[in-house]
PDB file of N, CA and C in Angstrom:
ATOM      1  N   MET A   1      22.324  86.690 -50.662  1.00  0.00           N
ATOM      2  CA  MET A   1      22.053  85.761 -51.572  1.00  0.00           C
ATOM      3  C   MET A   1      20.378  86.009 -52.251  1.00  0.00           C
ATOM      4  N   ALA A   2      19.953  86.057 -53.324  1.00  0.00           N
ATOM      5  CA  ALA A   2      19.262  86.512 -54.278  1.00  0.00           C
ATOM      6  C   ALA A   2      18.052  85.915 -53.815  1.00  0.00           C
ATOM      7  N   LYS A   3      16.986  86.401 -53.600  1.00  0.00           N
ATOM      8  CA  LYS A   3      15.692  85.680 -52.909  1.00  0.00           C
ATOM      9  C   LYS A   3      15.123  84.518 -54.049  1.00  0.00           C
ATOM     10  N   GLY A   4      14.664  83.615 -53.324  1.00  0.00           N
ATOM     11  CA  GLY A   4      14.195  82.532 -54.084  1.00  0.00           C
ATOM     12  C   GLY A   4      15.416  81.564 -53.961  1.00  0.00           C
ATOM     13  N   GLY A   5      16.643  81.667 -54.078  1.00  0.00           N
ATOM     14  CA  GLY A   5      18.048  80.989 -54.064  1.00  0.00           C
ATOM     15  C   GLY A   5      18.230  79.824 -53.304  1.00  0.00           C
ATOM     16  N   PHE A   6      19.079  79.165 -53.116  1.00  0.00           N
ATOM     17  CA  PHE A   6      18.828  77.994 -52.368  1.00  0.00           C
ATOM     18  C   PHE A   6      19.112  78.198 -51.072  1.00  0.00           C
ATOM     19  N   GLN A   7      18.161  77.356 -50.287  1.00  0.00           N
ATOM     20  CA  GLN A   7      17.817  77.989 -48.843  1.00  0.00           C
ATOM     21  C   GLN A   7      18.371  76.508 -47.633  1.00  0.00           C
ATOM     22  N   GLY A   8      19.201  75.564 -48.760  1.00  0.00           N
ATOM     23  CA  GLY A   8      19.625  74.672 -48.000  1.00  0.00           C
ATOM     24  C   GLY A   8      18.924  73.509 -47.576  1.00  0.00           C
ATOM     25  N   PHE A   9      19.409  72.656 -46.749  1.00  0.00           N
ATOM     26  CA  PHE A   9      18.517  71.566 -46.453  1.00  0.00           C
ATOM     27  C   PHE A   9      17.134  71.604 -45.963  1.00  0.00           C
ATOM     28  N   GLY A  10      16.062  71.459 -46.457  1.00  0.00           N
ATOM     29  CA  GLY A  10      14.951  71.188 -45.747  1.00  0.00           C
ATOM     30  C   GLY A  10      14.151  73.021 -46.196  1.00  0.00           C
ATOM     31  N   GLY A  11      15.025  73.959 -46.325  1.00  0.00           N
ATOM     32  CA  GLY A  11      14.311  75.081 -46.568  1.00  0.00           C
ATOM     33  C   GLY A  11      13.934  75.068 -47.923  1.00  0.00           C
ATOM     34  N   ARG A  12      12.972  76.086 -48.330  1.00  0.00           N
ATOM     35  CA  ARG A  12      12.642  76.209 -49.968  1.00  0.00           C
ATOM     36  C   ARG A  12      13.399  75.994 -50.687  1.00  0.00           C
ATOM     37  N   GLY A  13      13.071  75.028 -51.814  1.00  0.00           N
ATOM     38  CA  GLY A  13      13.536  74.282 -52.973  1.00  0.00           C
ATOM     39  C   GLY A  13      14.341  73.711 -52.277  1.00  0.00           C
ATOM     40  N   GLY A  14      15.031  73.327 -51.113  1.00  0.00           N
ATOM     41  CA  GLY A  14      16.062  72.428 -50.716  1.00  0.00           C
ATOM     42  C   GLY A  14      15.437  71.019 -50.733  1.00  0.00           C
ATOM     43  N   ILE A  15      16.256  69.928 -50.374  1.00  0.00           N
ATOM     44  CA  ILE A  15      15.795  68.680 -50.080  1.00  0.00           C
ATOM     45  C   ILE A  15      15.243  68.801 -48.666  1.00  0.00           C
ATOM     46  N   ASN A  16      13.881  67.597 -48.443  1.00  0.00           N
ATOM     47  CA  ASN A  16      13.041  67.695 -47.287  1.00  0.00           C
ATOM     48  C   ASN A  16      14.421  66.462 -46.690  1.00  0.00           C
ATOM     49  N   MET A  17      14.932  66.107 -45.652  1.00  0.00           N
ATOM     50  CA  MET A  17      15.803  65.356 -45.021  1.00  0.00           C
ATOM     51  C   MET A  17      14.535  64.100 -44.489  1.00  0.00           C
ATOM     52  N   ASN A  18      13.586  64.422 -44.146  1.00  0.00           N
ATOM     53  CA  ASN A  18      12.870  63.138 -43.337  1.00  0.00           C
ATOM     54  C   ASN A  18      12.549  62.168 -44.946  1.00  0.00           C
ATOM     55  N   VAL A  19      12.467  62.558 -46.097  1.00  0.00           N
ATOM     56  CA  VAL A  19      12.146  62.528 -47.443  1.00  0.00           C
ATOM     57  C   VAL A  19      13.494  61.625 -47.802  1.00  0.00           C
ATOM     58  N   LEU A  20      14.402  62.193 -47.357  1.00  0.00           N
ATOM     59  CA  LEU A  20      15.649  61.510 -48.277  1.00  0.00           C
ATOM     60  C   LEU A  20      15.936  60.290 -46.592  1.00  0.00           C
ATOM     61  N   LYS A  21      15.535  60.463 -45.446  1.00  0.00           N
ATOM     62  CA  LYS A  21      15.658  59.370 -44.553  1.00  0.00           C
ATOM     63  C   LYS A  21      14.977  58.297 -45.000  1.00  0.00           C
ATOM     64  N   GLN A  22      13.446  58.504 -45.463  1.00  0.00           N
ATOM     65  CA  GLN A  22      12.710  57.396 -46.096  1.00  0.00           C
ATOM     66  C   GLN A  22      12.791  56.772 -46.706  1.00  0.00           C
ATOM     67  N   ALA A  23      13.700  57.477 -47.764  1.00  0.00           N
ATOM     68  CA  ALA A  23      14.242  56.350 -49.226  1.00  0.00           C
ATOM     69  C   ALA A  23      15.332  56.093 -49.077  1.00  0.00           C
ATOM     70  N   GLN A  24      15.905  55.977 -48.113  1.00  0.00           N
ATOM     71  CA  GLN A  24      17.753  55.602 -47.526  1.00  0.00           C
ATOM     72  C   GLN A  24      16.833  54.359 -46.994  1.00  0.00           C
ATOM     73  N   LYS A  25      15.821  54.409 -45.604  1.00  0.00           N
ATOM     74  CA  LYS A  25      15.170  53.263 -45.028  1.00  0.00           C
ATOM     75  C   LYS A  25      14.555  52.285 -46.219  1.00  0.00           C
ATOM     76  N   MET A  26      13.967  52.844 -47.228  1.00  0.00           N
ATOM     77  CA  MET A  26      13.228  51.545 -48.413  1.00  0.00           C
ATOM     78  C   MET A  26      14.439  50.962 -48.871  1.00  0.00           C
ATOM     79  N   GLN A  27      15.147  51.395 -49.043  1.00  0.00           N
ATOM     80  CA  GLN A  27      16.473  51.195 -49.729  1.00  0.00           C
ATOM     81  C   GLN A  27      16.962  49.984 -49.146  1.00  0.00           C
ATOM     82  N   GLU A  28      17.269  50.253 -47.843  1.00  0.00           N
ATOM     83  CA  GLU A  28      17.556  49.233 -47.069  1.00  0.00           C
ATOM     84  C   GLU A  28      17.130  47.956 -46.963  1.00  0.00           C
ATOM     85  N   ASP A  29      15.590  48.688 -46.673  1.00  0.00           N
ATOM     86  CA  ASP A  29      14.545  47.310 -46.775  1.00  0.00           C
ATOM     87  C   ASP A  29      14.495  46.409 -47.787  1.00  0.00           C
ATOM     88  N   LEU A  30      14.769  47.148 -49.630  1.00  0.00           N
ATOM     89  CA  LEU A  30      14.811  46.450 -50.325  1.00  0.00           C
ATOM     90  C   LEU A  30      15.764  45.808 -50.797  1.00  0.00           C
ATOM     91  N   LEU A  31      16.710  45.928 -50.435  1.00  0.00           N
ATOM     92  CA  LEU A  31      18.116  44.766 -50.402  1.00  0.00           C
ATOM     93  C   LEU A  31      18.243  43.896 -49.452  1.00  0.00           C
ATOM     94  N   LYS A  32      17.511  44.169 -48.143  1.00  0.00           N
ATOM     95  CA  LYS A  32      17.003  43.135 -47.323  1.00  0.00           C
ATOM     96  C   LYS A  32      16.406  41.963 -47.444  1.00  0.00           C
ATOM     97  N   MET A  33      15.222  42.035 -48.270  1.00  0.00           N
ATOM     98  CA  MET A  33      13.965  41.734 -48.990  1.00  0.00           C
ATOM     99  C   MET A  33      14.507  40.771 -50.166  1.00  0.00           C
ATOM    100  N   GLN A  34      15.751  41.255 -51.099  1.00  0.00           N
ATOM    101  CA  GLN A  34      15.858  40.627 -51.737  1.00  0.00           C
ATOM    102  C   GLN A  34      16.953  39.570 -51.719  1.00  0.00           C
ATOM    103  N   ALA A  35      17.633  40.056 -50.497  1.00  0.00           N
ATOM    104  CA  ALA A  35      18.563  38.843 -49.866  1.00  0.00           C
ATOM    105  C   ALA A  35      17.606  37.677 -49.504  1.00  0.00           C
ATOM    106  N   GLU A  36      16.552  37.847 -48.880  1.00  0.00           N
ATOM    107  CA  GLU A  36      15.940  36.924 -48.185  1.00  0.00           C
ATOM    108  C   GLU A  36      14.920  36.221 -49.227  1.00  0.00           C
ATOM    109  N   MET A  37      14.724  36.868 -50.337  1.00  0.00           N
ATOM    110  CA  MET A  37      13.609  36.323 -51.490  1.00  0.00           C
ATOM    111  C   MET A  37      14.872  35.404 -52.231  1.00  0.00           C
ATOM    112  N   GLU A  38      15.995  35.642 -52.335  1.00  0.00           N
ATOM    113  CA  GLU A  38      17.687  34.714 -52.926  1.00  0.00           C
ATOM    114  C   GLU A  38      17.211  33.382 -52.142  1.00  0.00           C
ATOM    115  N   GLN A  39      17.143  33.427 -50.688  1.00  0.00           N
ATOM    116  CA  GLN A  39      17.396  32.167 -50.275  1.00  0.00           C
ATOM    117  C   GLN A  39      16.239  31.576 -50.208  1.00  0.00           C
ATOM    118  N   GLN A  40      15.075  31.947 -50.430  1.00  0.00           N
ATOM    119  CA  GLN A  40      13.257  31.110 -50.421  1.00  0.00           C
ATOM    120  C   GLN A  40      13.514  30.053 -51.661  1.00  0.00           C
ATOM    121  N   ALA A  41      12.673  29.232 -51.300  1.00  0.00           N
ATOM    122  CA  ALA A  41      12.650  27.971 -52.348  1.00  0.00           C
ATOM    123  C   ALA A  41      10.874  28.306 -52.671  1.00  0.00           C
ATOM    124  N   PHE A  42      10.816  27.922 -53.925  1.00  0.00           N
ATOM    125  CA  PHE A  42       9.200  28.307 -54.533  1.00  0.00           C
ATOM    126  C   PHE A  42       9.177  26.896 -55.307  1.00  0.00           C
ATOM    127  N   SER A  43       7.859  26.297 -55.165  1.00  0.00           N
ATOM    128  CA  SER A  43       7.770  24.752 -55.809  1.00  0.00           C
ATOM    129  C   SER A  43       6.144  24.877 -56.557  1.00  0.00           C
ATOM    130  N   ALA A  44       6.551  24.225 -57.712  1.00  0.00           N
ATOM    131  CA  ALA A  44       5.351  23.702 -58.314  1.00  0.00           C
ATOM    132  C   ALA A  44       5.286  22.459 -59.029  1.00  0.00           C
ATOM    133  N   SER A  45       4.425  22.186 -59.194  1.00  0.00           N
ATOM    134  CA  SER A  45       4.113  20.587 -60.001  1.00  0.00           C
ATOM    135  C   SER A  45       3.004  20.529 -61.080  1.00  0.00           C
ATOM    136  N   ALA A  46       3.884  19.599 -61.888  1.00  0.00           N
ATOM    137  CA  ALA A  46       2.522  19.628 -63.235  1.00  0.00           C
ATOM    138  C   ALA A  46       2.719  17.772 -63.169  1.00  0.00           C
ATOM    139  N   GLY A  47       1.557  17.298 -63.992  1.00  0.00           N
ATOM    140  CA  GLY A  47       1.221  16.633 -64.718  1.00  0.00           C
ATOM    141  C   GLY A  47       0.574  15.488 -62.908  1.00  0.00           C
ATOM    142  N   GLY A  48       0.033  15.992 -62.398  1.00  0.00           N
ATOM    143  CA  GLY A  48      -0.869  15.406 -61.212  1.00  0.00           C
ATOM    144  C   GLY A  48       0.055  15.306 -60.096  1.00  0.00           C
ATOM    145  N   GLY A  49       1.529  15.871 -59.846  1.00  0.00           N
ATOM    146  CA  GLY A  49       2.432  15.656 -59.316  1.00  0.00           C
ATOM    147  C   GLY A  49       3.484  14.717 -59.884  1.00  0.00           C
ATOM    148  N   ALA A  50       3.429  14.464 -61.225  1.00  0.00           N
ATOM    149  CA  ALA A  50       4.348  13.740 -61.747  1.00  0.00           C
ATOM    150  C   ALA A  50       5.746  14.170 -61.796  1.00  0.00           C
ATOM    151  N   VAL A  51       5.856  15.572 -62.108  1.00  0.00           N
ATOM    152  CA  VAL A  51       6.847  16.638 -62.055  1.00  0.00           C
ATOM    153  C   VAL A  51       6.951  17.289 -61.284  1.00  0.00           C
ATOM    154  N   THR A  52       7.912  17.541 -60.275  1.00  0.00           N
ATOM    155  CA  THR A  52       7.936  19.018 -59.519  1.00  0.00           C
ATOM    156  C   THR A  52       9.577  19.865 -59.206  1.00  0.00           C
ATOM    157  N   ALA A  53       9.215  20.945 -59.849  1.00  0.00           N
ATOM    158  CA  ALA A  53      10.380  21.680 -59.663  1.00  0.00           C
ATOM    159  C   ALA A  53      10.568  22.465 -58.632  1.00  0.00           C
ATOM    160  N   VAL A  54      11.742  23.053 -58.112  1.00  0.00           N
ATOM    161  CA  VAL A  54      12.055  23.955 -57.287  1.00  0.00           C
ATOM    162  C   VAL A  54      12.577  25.222 -57.582  1.00  0.00           C
ATOM    163  N   VAL A  55      12.324  26.116 -57.547  1.00  0.00           N
ATOM    164  CA  VAL A  55      13.235  27.154 -57.783  1.00  0.00           C
ATOM    165  C   VAL A  55      13.842  28.186 -56.976  1.00  0.00           C
ATOM    166  N   ASN A  56      14.842  29.261 -56.741  1.00  0.00           N
ATOM    167  CA  ASN A  56      14.827  30.106 -55.269  1.00  0.00           C
ATOM    168  C   ASN A  56      14.599  31.375 -56.148  1.00  0.00           C
ATOM    169  N   GLY A  57      14.668  32.513 -55.384  1.00  0.00           N
ATOM    170  CA  GLY A  57      14.420  33.589 -55.681  1.00  0.00           C
ATOM    171  C   GLY A  57      15.603  34.448 -56.986  1.00  0.00           C
ATOM    172  N   LYS A  58      16.495  33.811 -57.206  1.00  0.00           N
ATOM    173  CA  LYS A  58      17.159  34.037 -58.153  1.00  0.00           C
ATOM    174  C   LYS A  58      16.872  33.711 -59.570  1.00  0.00           C
ATOM    175  N   HIS A  59      15.607  32.629 -59.498  1.00  0.00           N
ATOM    176  CA  HIS A  59      15.159  32.128 -60.922  1.00  0.00           C
ATOM    177  C   HIS A  59      16.182  31.015 -61.218  1.00  0.00           C
ATOM    178  N   GLU A  60      16.660  30.002 -60.321  1.00  0.00           N
ATOM    179  CA  GLU A  60      17.705  28.927 -60.543  1.00  0.00           C
ATOM    180  C   GLU A  60      16.742  28.066 -60.183  1.00  0.00           C
ATOM    181  N   LEU A  61      16.890  27.080 -60.834  1.00  0.00           N
ATOM    182  CA  LEU A  61      16.117  25.555 -60.671  1.00  0.00           C
ATOM    183  C   LEU A  61      16.959  24.843 -59.936  1.00  0.00           C
ATOM    184  N   VAL A  62      16.386  24.646 -58.658  1.00  0.00           N
ATOM    185  CA  VAL A  62      17.206  24.103 -57.516  1.00  0.00           C
ATOM    186  C   VAL A  62      17.261  22.609 -57.938  1.00  0.00           C
ATOM    187  N   SER A  63      15.756  22.178 -57.842  1.00  0.00           N
ATOM    188  CA  SER A  63      15.859  20.962 -58.001  1.00  0.00           C
ATOM    189  C   SER A  63      14.292  20.364 -59.172  1.00  0.00           C
ATOM    190  N   LEU A  64      14.723  19.150 -59.434  1.00  0.00           N
ATOM    191  CA  LEU A  64      13.849  18.952 -60.306  1.00  0.00           C
ATOM    192  C   LEU A  64      13.369  17.218 -59.994  1.00  0.00           C
ATOM    193  N   ASP A  65      12.198  16.913 -59.558  1.00  0.00           N
ATOM    194  CA  ASP A  65      11.732  15.572 -59.047  1.00  0.00           C
ATOM    195  C   ASP A  65      10.725  15.225 -60.669  1.00  0.00           C
ATOM    196  N   ILE A  66      11.382  13.643 -60.893  1.00  0.00           N
ATOM    197  CA  ILE A  66      10.308  12.908 -61.931  1.00  0.00           C
ATOM    198  C   ILE A  66       9.592  11.650 -61.512  1.00  0.00           C
ATOM    199  N   ASP A  67       8.678  11.769 -61.555  1.00  0.00           N
ATOM    200  CA  ASP A  67       8.443  10.279 -60.786  1.00  0.00           C
ATOM    201  C   ASP A  67       8.642   9.234 -61.763  1.00  0.00           C
ATOM    202  N   PRO A  68       9.141   8.543 -61.600  1.00  0.00           N
ATOM    203  CA  PRO A  68       9.552   7.164 -62.652  1.00  0.00           C
ATOM    204  C   PRO A  68       8.385   6.757 -63.608  1.00  0.00           C
ATOM    205  N   GLU A  69       7.437   6.480 -63.237  1.00  0.00           N
ATOM    206  CA  GLU A  69       6.027   6.226 -63.435  1.00  0.00           C
ATOM    207  C   GLU A  69       5.699   7.301 -65.325  1.00  0.00           C
ATOM    208  N   ALA A  70       6.187   8.296 -64.922  1.00  0.00           N
ATOM    209  CA  ALA A  70       5.948   9.832 -65.903  1.00  0.00           C
ATOM    210  C   ALA A  70       6.849   9.533 -67.028  1.00  0.00           C
ATOM    211  N   VAL A  71       7.957   8.721 -66.713  1.00  0.00           N
ATOM    212  CA  VAL A  71       8.582   8.336 -68.218  1.00  0.00           C
ATOM    213  C   VAL A  71       8.222   7.442 -69.069  1.00  0.00           C
ATOM    214  N   ASP A  72       7.898   8.030 -70.212  1.00  0.00           N
ATOM    215  CA  ASP A  72       7.520   7.119 -71.135  1.00  0.00           C
ATOM    216  C   ASP A  72       8.282   7.571 -72.375  1.00  0.00           C
ATOM    217  N   PRO A  73       9.200   6.305 -72.616  1.00  0.00           N
ATOM    218  CA  PRO A  73      10.364   6.300 -73.834  1.00  0.00           C
ATOM    219  C   PRO A  73       9.555   6.666 -75.257  1.00  0.00           C
ATOM    220  N   ASP A  74       7.853   6.539 -75.303  1.00  0.00           N
ATOM    221  CA  ASP A  74       7.268   6.652 -76.833  1.00  0.00           C
ATOM    222  C   ASP A  74       7.031   7.927 -76.397  1.00  0.00           C
ATOM    223  N   ASP A  75       6.781   8.570 -75.152  1.00  0.00           N
ATOM    224  CA  ASP A  75       6.191   9.838 -75.423  1.00  0.00           C
ATOM    225  C   ASP A  75       7.180  10.977 -74.335  1.00  0.00           C
ATOM    226  N   VAL A  76       8.204  11.430 -74.991  1.00  0.00           N
ATOM    227  CA  VAL A  76       9.224  11.925 -74.144  1.00  0.00           C
ATOM    228  C   VAL A  76       8.759  13.370 -74.607  1.00  0.00           C
ATOM    229  N   GLU A  77       7.822  13.924 -75.361  1.00  0.00           N
ATOM    230  CA  GLU A  77       7.114  15.217 -75.539  1.00  0.00           C
ATOM    231  C   GLU A  77       6.418  15.536 -74.471  1.00  0.00           C
ATOM    232  N   MET A  78       5.535  14.937 -74.045  1.00  0.00           N
ATOM    233  CA  MET A  78       4.587  14.861 -73.166  1.00  0.00           C
ATOM    234  C   MET A  78       5.617  15.472 -71.541  1.00  0.00           C
ATOM    235  N   LEU A  79       6.783  14.410 -70.982  1.00  0.00           N
ATOM    236  CA  LEU A  79       7.418  14.494 -70.339  1.00  0.00           C
ATOM    237  C   LEU A  79       8.053  16.155 -70.458  1.00  0.00           C
ATOM    238  N   CYS A  80       8.460  16.028 -71.276  1.00  0.00           N
ATOM    239  CA  CYS A  80       8.866  17.825 -71.400  1.00  0.00           C
ATOM    240  C   CYS A  80       8.203  18.773 -71.517  1.00  0.00           C
ATOM    241  N   ASP A  81       7.050  18.347 -71.741  1.00  0.00           N
ATOM    242  CA  ASP A  81       5.788  19.353 -71.488  1.00  0.00           C
ATOM    243  C   ASP A  81       5.036  19.387 -69.761  1.00  0.00           C
ATOM    244  N   MET A  82       5.486  18.363 -69.033  1.00  0.00           N
ATOM    245  CA  MET A  82       5.262  18.715 -67.998  1.00  0.00           C
ATOM    246  C   MET A  82       6.821  19.224 -66.977  1.00  0.00           C
ATOM    247  N   ILE A  83       7.342  19.289 -67.296  1.00  0.00           N
ATOM    248  CA  ILE A  83       8.882  19.427 -67.195  1.00  0.00           C
ATOM    249  C   ILE A  83       8.752  21.309 -67.252  1.00  0.00           C
ATOM    250  N   LYS A  84       8.451  21.319 -68.175  1.00  0.00           N
ATOM    251  CA  LYS A  84       8.661  23.174 -68.710  1.00  0.00           C
ATOM    252  C   LYS A  84       7.106  23.373 -67.616  1.00  0.00           C
ATOM    253  N   ALA A  85       5.932  23.037 -67.647  1.00  0.00           N
ATOM    254  CA  ALA A  85       4.765  23.641 -67.049  1.00  0.00           C
ATOM    255  C   ALA A  85       5.340  23.908 -65.758  1.00  0.00           C
ATOM    256  N   ALA A  86       6.213  22.664 -65.054  1.00  0.00           N
ATOM    257  CA  ALA A  86       6.410  22.640 -63.497  1.00  0.00           C
ATOM    258  C   ALA A  86       7.409  24.021 -62.930  1.00  0.00           C
ATOM    259  N   VAL A  87       8.188  23.973 -64.007  1.00  0.00           N
ATOM    260  CA  VAL A  87       9.402  25.040 -64.080  1.00  0.00           C
ATOM    261  C   VAL A  87       8.874  26.643 -64.316  1.00  0.00           C
ATOM    262  N   ASN A  88       7.770  26.768 -64.786  1.00  0.00           N
ATOM    263  CA  ASN A  88       7.426  28.157 -65.286  1.00  0.00           C
ATOM    264  C   ASN A  88       6.565  28.535 -64.325  1.00  0.00           C
ATOM    265  N   GLU A  89       5.706  27.554 -63.644  1.00  0.00           N
ATOM    266  CA  GLU A  89       4.959  27.986 -62.417  1.00  0.00           C
ATOM    267  C   GLU A  89       5.659  28.377 -61.107  1.00  0.00           C
ATOM    268  N   ALA A  90       6.510  27.443 -61.090  1.00  0.00           N
ATOM    269  CA  ALA A  90       7.482  27.841 -60.060  1.00  0.00           C
ATOM    270  C   ALA A  90       7.767  28.974 -60.033  1.00  0.00           C
ATOM    271  N   MET A  91       8.505  29.283 -61.409  1.00  0.00           N
ATOM    272  CA  MET A  91       8.875  30.975 -61.464  1.00  0.00           C
ATOM    273  C   MET A  91       7.713  31.718 -61.335  1.00  0.00           C
ATOM    274  N   ARG A  92       6.737  31.708 -61.729  1.00  0.00           N
ATOM    275  CA  ARG A  92       5.462  32.550 -61.501  1.00  0.00           C
ATOM    276  C   ARG A  92       5.337  32.672 -59.923  1.00  0.00           C
ATOM    277  N   THR A  93       5.301  31.875 -59.537  1.00  0.00           N
ATOM    278  CA  THR A  93       5.638  31.681 -58.308  1.00  0.00           C
ATOM    279  C   THR A  93       6.433  32.625 -57.006  1.00  0.00           C
ATOM    280  N   ALA A  94       7.720  32.864 -57.455  1.00  0.00           N
ATOM    281  CA  ALA A  94       8.574  33.272 -57.324  1.00  0.00           C
ATOM    282  C   ALA A  94       8.240  35.031 -57.406  1.00  0.00           C
ATOM    283  N   ASP A  95       8.096  35.273 -59.000  1.00  0.00           N
ATOM    284  CA  ASP A  95       7.496  36.685 -59.025  1.00  0.00           C
ATOM    285  C   ASP A  95       6.414  37.191 -58.334  1.00  0.00           C
ATOM    286  N   ALA A  96       5.723  36.553 -58.194  1.00  0.00           N
ATOM    287  CA  ALA A  96       4.779  36.806 -57.448  1.00  0.00           C
ATOM    288  C   ALA A  96       4.591  36.954 -56.000  1.00  0.00           C
ATOM    289  N   LYS A  97       5.341  36.494 -55.563  1.00  0.00           N
ATOM    290  CA  LYS A  97       5.879  36.717 -53.987  1.00  0.00           C
ATOM    291  C   LYS A  97       7.037  38.253 -53.928  1.00  0.00           C
ATOM    292  N   MET A  98       7.359  38.120 -55.104  1.00  0.00           N
ATOM    293  CA  MET A  98       8.589  39.400 -55.227  1.00  0.00           C
ATOM    294  C   MET A  98       7.780  40.375 -55.465  1.00  0.00           C
ATOM    295  N   SER A  99       6.359  40.262 -56.030  1.00  0.00           N
ATOM    296  CA  SER A  99       5.744  41.299 -56.333  1.00  0.00           C
ATOM    297  C   SER A  99       5.172  41.746 -54.684  1.00  0.00           C
ATOM    298  N   GLU A 100       4.317  40.757 -54.290  1.00  0.00           N
ATOM    299  CA  GLU A 100       4.011  40.859 -52.913  1.00  0.00           C
ATOM    300  C   GLU A 100       4.465  41.622 -52.600  1.00  0.00           C
ATOM    301  N   ASN A 101       6.149  41.187 -52.220  1.00  0.00           N
ATOM    302  CA  ASN A 101       6.894  41.980 -51.049  1.00  0.00           C
ATOM    303  C   ASN A 101       7.093  43.392 -51.335  1.00  0.00           C
ATOM    304  N   MET A 102       7.352  43.672 -52.775  1.00  0.00           N
ATOM    305  CA  MET A 102       7.579  45.333 -53.223  1.00  0.00           C
ATOM    306  C   MET A 102       6.348  45.697 -53.013  1.00  0.00           C
ATOM    307  N   SER A 103       5.031  45.221 -53.197  1.00  0.00           N
ATOM    308  CA  SER A 103       4.032  46.114 -52.872  1.00  0.00           C
ATOM    309  C   SER A 103       4.013  46.774 -51.547  1.00  0.00           C
ATOM    310  N   ARG A 104       4.084  45.651 -50.512  1.00  0.00           N
ATOM    311  CA  ARG A 104       4.110  45.779 -49.273  1.00  0.00           C
ATOM    312  C   ARG A 104       5.197  46.827 -48.943  1.00  0.00           C
ATOM    313  N   LEU A 105       6.632  46.825 -49.391  1.00  0.00           N
ATOM    314  CA  LEU A 105       7.597  47.539 -48.567  1.00  0.00           C
ATOM    315  C   LEU A 105       7.008  49.155 -49.699  1.00  0.00           C
ATOM    316  N   THR A 106       6.868  49.088 -50.880  1.00  0.00           N
ATOM    317  CA  THR A 106       6.678  50.572 -51.051  1.00  0.00           C
ATOM    318  C   THR A 106       5.463  51.316 -50.731  1.00  0.00           C
ATOM    319  N   GLY A 107       4.430  50.459 -49.859  1.00  0.00           N
ATOM    320  CA  GLY A 107       3.135  50.800 -49.590  1.00  0.00           C
ATOM    321  C   GLY A 107       1.939  50.820 -50.406  1.00  0.00           C
ATOM    322  N   GLY A 108       2.599  50.057 -52.087  1.00  0.00           N
ATOM    323  CA  GLY A 108       1.738  50.460 -52.796  1.00  0.00           C
ATOM    324  C   GLY A 108       1.644  51.299 -54.079  1.00  0.00           C
ATOM    325  N   LEU A 109       2.887  51.863 -53.615  1.00  0.00           N
ATOM    326  CA  LEU A 109       3.290  53.124 -54.666  1.00  0.00           C
ATOM    327  C   LEU A 109       3.823  52.526 -55.879  1.00  0.00           C
ATOM    328  N   ASN A 110       3.230  52.986 -57.026  1.00  0.00           N
ATOM    329  CA  ASN A 110       3.378  52.842 -58.373  1.00  0.00           C
ATOM    330  C   ASN A 110       5.005  53.111 -58.520  1.00  0.00           C
ATOM    331  N   LEU A 111       6.513  52.560 -58.191  1.00  0.00           N
ATOM    332  CA  LEU A 111       7.380  52.594 -58.523  1.00  0.00           C
ATOM    333  C   LEU A 111       8.196  52.282 -59.437  1.00  0.00           C
ATOM    334  N   PRO A 112       9.253  52.732 -60.104  1.00  0.00           N
ATOM    335  CA  PRO A 112       9.593  52.091 -61.318  1.00  0.00           C
ATOM    336  C   PRO A 112      10.956  51.183 -61.178  1.00  0.00           C
ATOM    337  N   PHE A 113      10.361  50.230 -60.064  1.00  0.00           N
ATOM    338  CA  PHE A 113      11.758  49.177 -59.932  1.00  0.00           C
ATOM    339  C   PHE A 113      11.026  47.989 -59.052  1.00  0.00           C
TER     340      PHE A 113
END
């Protein structure tokens, strides 16, 4: 074979097997972490605890608790705002936890996933 040609795995121009194994391990760890995150619950409250939302790692609303005293028929808009605030904060909490786990998994590398 001509000089500088394919040298096989681990040779000049080849794939480093250790890097490949590390990438496969990282992918396995990522899939495991994602599955674990989907099972976790993240909650947040708004209106001094009048509304509490719980979401899971799949960004699904799991539960929504509303204090009956927060229900004012003359101010439905305020109740809607509290619900949105609680749900959005719970989603942000889930996203922050996912980012934290991804950073720990990748060792702080800035990877595109």
